[in-house]
Amino acid sequence: MVEFHEKVEFLIKLLQENNNNSYEEEAFKQLENLLEEYARNYKPKRYVKSAK
């Protein structure tokens, strides 16, 4: 399975390299969807202070 950061890096590279507008628009939409999905699923780890 492709890691999240690999998908993001791939789509960003496509956006940087391509001049084909329709392809660029699709890559941008995919990147936006990935980031929205990540934001929805992101659960920050809570750090518990250890008792002294």
Protein backbone atom coordinates (compact mmCIF):
# COMPACT_ATOMS: atom_id res chain seq x y z
CA MET A 1 0.00 0.00 0.00
CA VAL A 2 1.28 3.45 -0.90
CA GLU A 3 1.98 5.66 2.07
CA PHE A 4 0.10 8.95 2.47
CA HIS A 5 3.22 11.09 2.11
CA GLU A 6 4.22 9.22 -1.08
CA LYS A 7 0.84 10.01 -2.67
CA VAL A 8 1.15 13.67 -1.70
CA GLU A 9 4.72 13.92 -3.02
CA PHE A 10 3.73 12.23 -6.29
CA LEU A 11 0.82 14.62 -6.88
CA ILE A 12 2.91 17.68 -6.00
CA LYS A 13 5.61 16.51 -8.44
CA LEU A 14 2.96 16.10 -11.15
CA LEU A 15 1.73 19.63 -10.51
CA GLN A 16 5.27 21.01 -10.70
CA GLU A 17 6.23 19.15 -13.88
CA ASN A 18 3.11 19.28 -16.03
CA ASN A 19 1.80 22.06 -18.22
CA ASN A 20 -1.25 20.08 -19.31
CA ASN A 21 -4.07 22.01 -17.62
CA SER A 22 -6.68 19.24 -17.47
CA TYR A 23 -4.14 16.82 -15.98
CA GLU A 24 -2.96 19.46 -13.53
CA GLU A 25 -6.52 20.17 -12.43
CA GLU A 26 -7.15 16.46 -11.79
CA ALA A 27 -3.92 16.12 -9.79
CA PHE A 28 -4.83 19.19 -7.76
CA LYS A 29 -8.30 17.77 -6.98
CA GLN A 30 -6.76 14.45 -5.90
CA LEU A 31 -4.26 16.24 -3.68
CA GLU A 32 -7.02 18.35 -2.14
CA ASN A 33 -9.13 15.23 -1.48
CA LEU A 34 -6.17 13.42 0.09
CA LEU A 35 -5.45 16.32 2.42
CA GLU A 36 -9.11 16.66 3.40
CA GLU A 37 -9.30 12.93 4.13
CA TYR A 38 -6.12 13.14 6.20
CA ALA A 39 -7.49 16.11 8.16
CA ARG A 40 -10.71 14.21 8.91
CA ASN A 41 -8.85 11.12 10.11
CA TYR A 42 -6.07 12.92 11.99
CA LYS A 43 -6.12 12.18 15.69
CA PRO A 44 -3.33 13.98 17.51
CA LYS A 45 -1.54 11.89 20.08
CA ARG A 46 -2.09 13.18 23.56
CA TYR A 47 1.01 13.24 25.67
CA VAL A 48 0.39 12.27 29.25
CA LYS A 49 2.67 13.88 31.79
CA SER A 50 4.32 11.19 33.86
CA ALA A 51 3.71 11.43 37.58
CA LYS A 52 6.79 12.29 39.61
